[in-house]
Structure formats: structure tokens, C-alpha cells
Amino acid sequence: MDSSHDIAPSPVHDTHQPSDVERVSELARAKQQVLEQLHRRIVGQEAAVELLLVALFARGHGLLVGVPGLAKTSLVTSLAQTLSLAANRIQFTPDLMPSDITGTDVLEQDVTTGERRFRFLKGPIFTNILLADEINRTPPKTQAALLQAMEEQRVTASGTTHPIEAPYLVFATQNPIEQEGTYPLPEAQLDRFMLQIEMGYPAADEELEIVRRTTAPEPENLRAVLSREDILELQALVRRVPVAPHVIAHAVALVRASRPSESGAAERVKAHVSFGAGPRASQALILAAKARAVLAGRYAAEIDDVRALALPILRHRLVMSFRAEAEGVRPADVIDTLLRSVRA
């Protein structure tokens, strides 16, 4: 029997109705089980795994950026197996058409009556976790096919709207070193990704373990830890996590400080940022902070959660100026300035 379909006894369901505080403890335990399963296949990348889980439970999408061979694709597919979710992978190429993603109408004929009718054939976008591999290799028109699904969790084709079953997450990968023949994502689409997850080279001991594992016999399938119903419950739980007014104020202050037109903006922001982050970044900071708190077993988001997530949430939302490019100033440098200028 394929062990990937065996779901362990749920750490969420119980004979009584647990309180939200009890559920937080259950999610923290479930997180450890998920990590144990993922580490059977993925070596290192703890920060990336943590951010993927934050995106999952905050109902956000993630953009994974890293050089080839860092297990970006394997990480997302392994996560889907561990959560018993349906997953599809699309390899983005220059000739990919929007209908290859969303689906298309096909003409069918009834063999008994001869009547012809159109039927919508759903594309790979209809899943729980969509892996958009090398998303910047396809033209903007095809990239835009994801926008409605990412924002509204539905697809409109030929005047008919088709809902996508929850949970729905898009994890896109992007190679930062091959720029020839690529199409940078427009700011409007980048803004729909809650997090940009940077994946770096492994440490020496981790690379040794990677080579050892990948040249050995294939490991057993991963065991599913959470069911789809568990995930929906936990996503709803994250939304109910309380946030103190001063934490929300701090998140908004960080985002507003990234805008060069804002009074009191730091000199580095004025000199090196053309456009700062919009209100969607403030919302992402709070939702992700809630998810981070719950994954740590806490039923309240704190300022430390917001500040810990500032880099992955803001770095892809800052439009840098020509001066920044000329002087080698990166979004991470600006965000470091924001964290120092906006005190906790």
C-alpha cells in the first residue's frame, strides 16, 4: 500500500471541542510532525520550510528564489504530500499559453442526439498547491493568468466563473542568475505573493548529506500528517489570533516608512526607493505574524513576529531606483534601515 495516502491520527481532531488556545498547542505539535517528515527528504533549508508553513496557514502565496539544485521543487511537492493535498506542477516556458494554465472550452457531441455543446476542461491551476516552476520564463500575458486565482480563488473563462477548492496556494520558483530569455514579474503580480523566500547554498555538512541521500536508493513515501479539513480549521484559527493595537501600528509604520514620499522617511529610502510597499504589505505582515506565533505555540502575535517577517514580506515589494542599482543598494539594505529607524 502507498504510505503517502495513510493519514496519521489527526493532532487537531479530538472527542471534545478544544478551545483556540488548545488548538494552538496542537498546531505546534503538528508542525513538528510535518518537519520530521520533510527532513526525511529535505536537508537544511530550515528558514525556507518555516516560511512555507507561515504562508500555508496564513493563506498566502510564496515566491521561492534560488539558484538551480537547491530542492525548491522537491520542497513544495514534499510539503503537499505531508499535508495530503492535491498538487500540480507547471513548467513555465516562453510558448506557454494562458489556457494551458486555466483550462479551455472543448466542443463535445452527444452520440445519441447529435447535439454539440462546449464543456470547460479545467487546467492544472485547479488544485490545492500549484507549483509554478520558473515563472519568469513565460511572457506577462501568461503570468497574468494566475492573478485572478491568486487573489480571488476562482477562474473566469468564456464568461463563466469556476471556483477553486480551498485551501489554495501558489508557490512559484525563480532562478536569479539566468536572466536571458526571462520576463521579470510585474509589480502588481509580485505584490500578490505574501512572501519572497530566498534559498541559499547549503552548508558543507548539509551538502555532503544531500549527495549521500540523492545517490542512495529512493526513500519511502512521506506520511501525511494533516488532512485537508485540519488545514482549513487551522487557517481559520490563525485568522482568530488576537493582535494588540500597538503591534498593528508597528506593522503599518514599517510599511509606511518604506515610501519615499512619506514625511519622515529615512534618507536611504528617499535616495534608493522609487516606490515603497502598499497596504497589502501591512495586511501580510499581520497575517504572517499570526501564523508565525501559532506555529510557535503562542496565541498572540507580537512585534517580534512582525519584525522577523519584514524582510521576506517587503523585499519584493520595493521598487528600487536607478541610483540604487548603480550603487549596489539592495532591498535588504533598505529594510535593515527601516527596522533600525522604526523602533519596537
Protein backbone atom coordinates (compact mmCIF):
# COMPACT_ATOMS: atom_id res chain seq x y z
CA MET A 1 0.00 0.00 0.00
CA ASP A 2 1.22 3.52 -0.81
CA SER A 3 2.07 5.06 2.56
CA SER A 4 1.61 8.57 1.13
CA HIS A 5 -2.16 8.06 1.45
CA ASP A 6 -2.05 6.95 5.08
CA ILE A 7 -3.03 9.87 7.26
CA ALA A 8 -1.81 9.71 10.82
CA PRO A 9 -4.27 10.23 13.66
CA SER A 10 -5.08 13.91 13.44
CA PRO A 11 -3.43 16.12 16.04
CA VAL A 12 -6.32 18.53 15.54
CA HIS A 13 -9.46 16.43 15.96
CA ASP A 14 -10.47 15.24 19.44
CA THR A 15 -13.56 13.88 21.17
CA HIS A 16 -14.34 17.30 22.64
CA GLN A 17 -14.29 20.72 21.04
CA PRO A 18 -10.95 22.23 22.06
CA SER A 19 -10.56 25.93 22.67
CA ASP A 20 -8.46 28.08 20.36
CA VAL A 21 -5.65 28.08 22.92
CA GLU A 22 -5.65 24.26 22.94
CA ARG A 23 -5.69 24.21 19.15
CA VAL A 24 -2.58 26.40 19.09
CA SER A 25 -0.71 23.79 21.12
CA GLU A 26 -1.98 21.09 18.76
CA LEU A 27 -0.75 23.00 15.73
CA ALA A 28 2.68 23.44 17.30
CA ARG A 29 2.83 19.64 17.75
CA ALA A 30 1.58 19.09 14.20
CA LYS A 31 4.31 21.41 12.92
CA GLN A 32 6.97 19.16 14.48
CA GLN A 33 5.44 16.13 12.76
CA VAL A 34 5.45 17.96 9.42
CA LEU A 35 9.09 18.95 9.89
CA GLU A 36 10.05 15.37 10.75
CA GLN A 37 8.51 14.16 7.51
CA LEU A 38 10.05 16.92 5.38
CA HIS A 39 13.51 16.36 6.83
CA ARG A 40 13.39 12.78 5.59
CA ARG A 41 13.68 14.25 2.09
CA ILE A 42 14.95 17.83 2.51
CA VAL A 43 18.33 18.62 4.06
CA GLY A 44 18.69 22.01 5.75
CA GLN A 45 16.68 25.00 4.45
CA GLU A 46 15.01 25.39 7.86
CA ALA A 47 14.22 29.07 7.26
CA ALA A 48 12.57 28.31 3.91
CA VAL A 49 10.49 25.50 5.42
CA GLU A 50 9.36 27.78 8.26
CA LEU A 51 8.27 30.47 5.80
CA LEU A 52 6.42 27.94 3.64
CA LEU A 53 4.42 26.87 6.69
CA VAL A 54 3.73 30.51 7.59
CA ALA A 55 2.41 31.09 4.06
CA LEU A 56 0.30 27.94 4.22
CA PHE A 57 -1.50 28.77 7.46
CA ALA A 58 -1.76 32.50 6.67
CA ARG A 59 -3.37 31.63 3.29
CA GLY A 60 -0.61 33.38 1.40
CA HIS A 61 1.38 32.62 -1.73
CA GLY A 62 5.15 32.27 -1.82
CA LEU A 63 7.88 33.12 -4.34
CA LEU A 64 10.95 30.89 -3.92
CA VAL A 65 14.15 32.39 -5.30
CA GLY A 66 17.40 30.48 -5.54
CA VAL A 67 19.96 29.01 -7.92
CA PRO A 68 19.24 25.62 -9.53
CA GLY A 69 19.64 22.47 -7.49
CA LEU A 70 18.50 23.78 -4.10
CA ALA A 71 15.43 21.50 -3.89
CA LYS A 72 12.86 24.28 -4.43
CA THR A 73 10.59 21.98 -6.42
CA SER A 74 11.17 19.00 -4.13
CA LEU A 75 10.37 21.10 -1.07
CA VAL A 76 6.96 22.17 -2.36
CA THR A 77 5.95 18.72 -3.62
CA SER A 78 7.09 17.13 -0.35
CA LEU A 79 5.04 19.65 1.63
CA ALA A 80 1.95 18.75 -0.38
CA GLN A 81 2.46 15.05 0.36
CA THR A 82 2.91 15.72 4.06
CA LEU A 83 -0.38 17.66 4.13
CA SER A 84 -2.35 15.22 1.94
CA LEU A 85 -3.17 18.00 -0.51
CA ALA A 86 -3.55 17.79 -4.28
CA ALA A 87 -0.63 19.40 -6.06
CA ASN A 88 0.12 20.28 -9.68
CA ARG A 89 3.34 21.49 -11.24
CA ILE A 90 3.53 23.75 -14.30
CA GLN A 91 6.85 24.22 -16.05
CA PHE A 92 6.69 27.77 -17.34
CA THR A 93 8.18 28.20 -20.82
CA PRO A 94 8.10 31.04 -23.39
CA ASP A 95 5.47 29.26 -25.50
CA LEU A 96 3.08 28.53 -22.60
CA MET A 97 -0.40 29.98 -23.22
CA PRO A 98 -2.88 31.22 -20.57
CA SER A 99 -5.32 28.44 -21.47
CA ASP A 100 -2.58 25.89 -20.71
CA ILE A 101 -2.86 27.07 -17.10
CA THR A 102 -6.52 27.92 -16.58
CA GLY A 103 -8.14 25.41 -18.95
CA THR A 104 -10.13 25.70 -22.14
CA ASP A 105 -13.55 25.02 -23.65
CA VAL A 106 -13.76 21.85 -25.71
CA LEU A 107 -16.54 21.05 -28.18
CA GLU A 108 -18.34 17.78 -27.42
CA GLN A 109 -21.03 15.98 -29.39
CA ASP A 110 -23.73 13.79 -27.84
CA VAL A 111 -23.54 10.48 -29.74
CA THR A 112 -27.26 9.79 -29.27
CA THR A 113 -28.78 13.18 -30.12
CA GLY A 114 -26.00 14.67 -32.19
CA GLU A 115 -26.22 17.82 -30.06
CA ARG A 116 -23.00 19.77 -29.71
CA ARG A 117 -22.02 21.74 -26.64
CA PHE A 118 -18.94 23.31 -25.09
CA ARG A 119 -17.53 21.89 -21.88
CA PHE A 120 -14.88 23.61 -19.79
CA LEU A 121 -11.85 21.39 -19.34
CA LYS A 122 -10.09 22.52 -16.15
CA GLY A 123 -6.40 23.26 -16.33
CA PRO A 124 -3.69 22.49 -13.75
CA ILE A 125 -4.50 25.69 -11.85
CA PHE A 126 -7.39 23.77 -10.23
CA THR A 127 -5.57 22.14 -7.32
CA ASN A 128 -4.64 22.85 -3.70
CA ILE A 129 -0.95 23.62 -4.14
CA LEU A 130 0.23 24.90 -7.51
CA LEU A 131 3.96 24.89 -8.18
CA ALA A 132 4.72 27.47 -10.87
CA ASP A 133 8.23 26.40 -11.83
CA GLU A 134 10.48 29.12 -13.29
CA ILE A 135 7.57 31.54 -13.53
CA ASN A 136 9.71 34.27 -15.06
CA ARG A 137 10.36 32.21 -18.19
CA THR A 138 6.90 32.90 -19.60
CA PRO A 139 5.58 36.22 -21.03
CA PRO A 140 3.49 38.62 -18.88
CA LYS A 141 0.24 37.61 -20.62
CA THR A 142 0.65 34.05 -19.38
CA GLN A 143 1.89 35.14 -15.96
CA ALA A 144 -1.29 37.21 -15.63
CA ALA A 145 -3.40 34.05 -15.95
CA LEU A 146 -2.55 33.39 -12.30
CA LEU A 147 -3.69 36.78 -10.98
CA GLN A 148 -7.41 36.13 -10.51
CA ALA A 149 -6.81 32.71 -8.97
CA MET A 150 -4.23 34.09 -6.53
CA GLU A 151 -6.45 36.97 -5.45
CA GLU A 152 -9.99 35.57 -5.64
CA GLN A 153 -9.51 31.77 -5.68
CA ARG A 154 -11.51 31.39 -8.87
CA VAL A 155 -11.05 31.41 -12.63
CA THR A 156 -13.25 33.13 -15.21
CA ALA A 157 -13.29 31.58 -18.67
CA SER A 158 -15.71 32.33 -21.51
CA GLY A 159 -17.85 34.41 -19.17
CA THR A 160 -18.25 31.65 -16.57
CA THR A 161 -16.57 31.74 -13.17
CA HIS A 162 -15.21 28.48 -11.77
CA PRO A 163 -14.26 28.32 -8.06
CA ILE A 164 -11.06 26.62 -6.89
CA GLU A 165 -11.38 24.36 -3.88
CA ALA A 166 -9.75 25.58 -0.67
CA PRO A 167 -7.04 25.56 0.51
CA TYR A 168 -5.35 27.15 -2.49
CA LEU A 169 -1.71 28.21 -2.56
CA VAL A 170 0.64 29.20 -5.36
CA PHE A 171 4.34 28.62 -4.82
CA ALA A 172 6.42 29.96 -7.71
CA THR A 173 10.13 29.41 -8.26
CA GLN A 174 12.51 31.83 -9.90
CA ASN A 175 16.15 31.49 -10.89
CA PRO A 176 18.02 34.73 -10.07
CA ILE A 177 21.11 34.12 -12.21
CA GLU A 178 19.70 33.25 -15.63
CA GLN A 179 18.19 36.46 -16.99
CA GLU A 180 18.44 35.82 -20.74
CA GLY A 181 15.06 34.88 -22.16
CA THR A 182 13.18 35.73 -18.95
CA TYR A 183 10.33 38.12 -18.22
CA PRO A 184 10.54 39.81 -14.81
CA LEU A 185 7.30 39.64 -12.86
CA PRO A 186 5.38 42.93 -12.87
CA GLU A 187 5.00 44.70 -9.54
CA ALA A 188 1.24 44.00 -9.45
CA GLN A 189 1.88 40.27 -9.53
CA LEU A 190 4.80 40.38 -7.12
CA ASP A 191 2.53 42.14 -4.63
CA ARG A 192 0.21 39.13 -4.61
CA PHE A 193 2.93 36.92 -3.20
CA MET A 194 2.84 37.21 0.58
CA LEU A 195 6.48 36.13 0.97
CA GLN A 196 9.63 36.03 -1.09
CA ILE A 197 11.62 33.08 0.22
CA GLU A 198 15.34 33.23 -0.53
CA MET A 199 17.06 29.85 -0.65
CA GLY A 200 20.84 29.91 -0.32
CA TYR A 201 23.60 27.37 -0.80
CA PRO A 202 23.73 24.59 1.82
CA ALA A 203 26.47 24.38 4.42
CA ALA A 204 29.33 21.94 3.75
CA ASP A 205 27.98 19.21 6.03
CA GLU A 206 24.49 19.64 4.56
CA GLU A 207 25.81 19.30 1.02
CA LEU A 208 27.57 16.08 1.97
CA GLU A 209 24.28 14.73 3.34
CA ILE A 210 22.42 15.85 0.19
CA VAL A 211 24.83 13.95 -2.04
CA ARG A 212 24.66 10.87 0.19
CA ARG A 213 20.85 10.79 0.16
CA THR A 214 20.32 11.56 -3.52
CA THR A 215 22.74 8.87 -4.67
CA ALA A 216 21.25 6.19 -2.40
CA PRO A 217 18.07 4.14 -3.01
CA GLU A 218 14.86 6.16 -3.15
CA PRO A 219 13.40 6.83 0.34
CA GLU A 220 9.92 5.70 1.31
CA ASN A 221 6.97 7.97 0.58
CA LEU A 222 6.26 10.65 3.12
CA ARG A 223 3.44 10.14 5.62
CA ALA A 224 0.56 12.62 5.57
CA VAL A 225 0.32 14.42 8.90
CA LEU A 226 -2.66 16.74 8.43
CA SER A 227 -5.83 16.31 6.42
CA ARG A 228 -7.42 18.96 4.21
CA GLU A 229 -10.09 19.57 6.88
CA ASP A 230 -7.39 20.05 9.54
CA ILE A 231 -5.63 22.64 7.41
CA LEU A 232 -8.84 24.61 6.79
CA GLU A 233 -9.56 24.62 10.54
CA LEU A 234 -6.05 25.80 11.35
CA GLN A 235 -6.17 28.52 8.70
CA ALA A 236 -9.37 29.78 10.30
CA LEU A 237 -7.68 29.60 13.71
CA VAL A 238 -4.84 31.85 12.52
CA ARG A 239 -7.38 34.49 11.49
CA ARG A 240 -8.82 34.47 15.04
CA VAL A 241 -5.47 35.05 16.75
CA PRO A 242 -5.63 38.39 18.58
CA VAL A 243 -3.23 41.21 17.74
CA ALA A 244 -2.73 44.18 20.05
CA PRO A 245 -3.26 47.65 18.53
CA HIS A 246 0.38 48.61 19.07
CA VAL A 247 1.52 45.57 17.04
CA ILE A 248 -0.71 46.58 14.12
CA ALA A 249 0.55 50.16 14.43
CA HIS A 250 4.15 48.92 14.25
CA ALA A 251 3.46 46.89 11.08
CA VAL A 252 1.80 49.87 9.40
CA ALA A 253 4.65 52.17 10.49
CA LEU A 254 7.23 49.84 8.90
CA VAL A 255 5.35 49.74 5.62
CA ARG A 256 4.72 53.48 5.51
CA ALA A 257 8.40 54.14 6.26
CA SER A 258 9.29 52.29 3.04
CA ARG A 259 7.65 55.02 0.91
CA PRO A 260 9.98 57.83 -0.19
CA SER A 261 7.05 60.28 -0.38
CA GLU A 262 6.22 59.76 3.31
CA SER A 263 7.18 62.59 5.63
CA GLY A 264 9.98 61.47 7.90
CA ALA A 265 11.20 58.76 5.51
CA ALA A 266 14.85 57.85 6.04
CA GLU A 267 17.40 59.37 3.66
CA ARG A 268 18.30 55.92 2.31
CA VAL A 269 14.63 55.35 1.42
CA LYS A 270 14.36 58.71 -0.34
CA ALA A 271 17.58 58.13 -2.25
CA HIS A 272 17.22 54.49 -3.25
CA VAL A 273 13.49 53.62 -3.40
CA SER A 274 11.22 54.74 -6.22
CA PHE A 275 8.05 53.19 -4.84
CA GLY A 276 7.52 51.66 -1.40
CA ALA A 277 5.21 48.87 -0.28
CA GLY A 278 1.43 49.28 -0.40
CA PRO A 279 -1.31 48.41 2.12
CA ARG A 280 -1.27 44.76 1.09
CA ALA A 281 2.15 44.53 2.76
CA SER A 282 0.71 45.72 6.08
CA GLN A 283 -2.00 43.08 5.87
CA ALA A 284 0.59 40.40 5.02
CA LEU A 285 2.76 41.39 7.98
CA ILE A 286 -0.09 40.91 10.44
CA LEU A 287 -1.44 37.69 8.93
CA ALA A 288 2.02 36.15 8.69
CA ALA A 289 2.83 37.29 12.24
CA LYS A 290 -0.29 35.50 13.46
CA ALA A 291 0.74 32.31 11.66
CA ARG A 292 4.30 32.53 12.99
CA ALA A 293 3.00 32.95 16.54
CA VAL A 294 0.64 29.98 16.26
CA LEU A 295 3.35 27.76 14.77
CA ALA A 296 5.48 28.64 17.80
CA GLY A 297 2.65 27.68 20.17
CA ARG A 298 1.60 31.24 21.08
CA TYR A 299 -1.96 32.56 20.87
CA ALA A 300 -0.99 36.19 20.28
CA ALA A 301 1.12 37.87 17.61
CA GLU A 302 3.89 40.14 18.87
CA ILE A 303 6.08 42.89 17.47
CA ASP A 304 8.98 40.43 17.25
CA ASP A 305 6.90 38.33 14.84
CA VAL A 306 6.29 41.36 12.63
CA ARG A 307 9.95 42.37 12.60
CA ALA A 308 11.12 38.81 11.90
CA LEU A 309 8.93 38.72 8.78
CA ALA A 310 9.70 42.22 7.49
CA LEU A 311 12.43 41.05 5.10
CA PRO A 312 10.57 38.24 3.27
CA ILE A 313 7.37 40.30 3.07
CA LEU A 314 8.83 43.64 1.98
CA ARG A 315 11.85 42.85 -0.19
CA HIS A 316 9.91 42.01 -3.37
CA ARG A 317 7.56 44.95 -2.90
CA LEU A 318 10.19 47.71 -3.00
CA VAL A 319 10.82 49.25 -6.43
CA MET A 320 14.42 50.37 -6.29
CA SER A 321 15.69 53.49 -8.06
CA PHE A 322 18.35 53.66 -10.77
CA ARG A 323 20.66 55.15 -8.17
CA ALA A 324 20.22 52.06 -6.00
CA GLU A 325 21.15 49.81 -8.91
CA ALA A 326 24.18 51.94 -9.72
CA GLU A 327 25.37 51.96 -6.11
CA GLY A 328 24.58 48.30 -5.42
CA VAL A 329 21.97 49.02 -2.74
CA ARG A 330 19.63 46.05 -2.32
CA PRO A 331 16.10 45.90 -0.88
CA ALA A 332 17.54 44.04 2.13
CA ASP A 333 19.74 47.05 2.88
CA VAL A 334 16.72 49.37 2.85
CA ILE A 335 14.70 47.02 5.07
CA ASP A 336 17.56 46.93 7.55
CA THR A 337 17.36 50.72 7.65
CA LEU A 338 13.59 50.54 8.21
CA LEU A 339 14.00 48.17 11.16
CA ARG A 340 16.55 50.48 12.74
CA SER A 341 14.57 53.66 12.14
CA VAL A 342 11.16 52.29 13.23
CA ARG A 343 11.73 51.32 16.84
CA ALA A 344 9.82 48.49 18.52
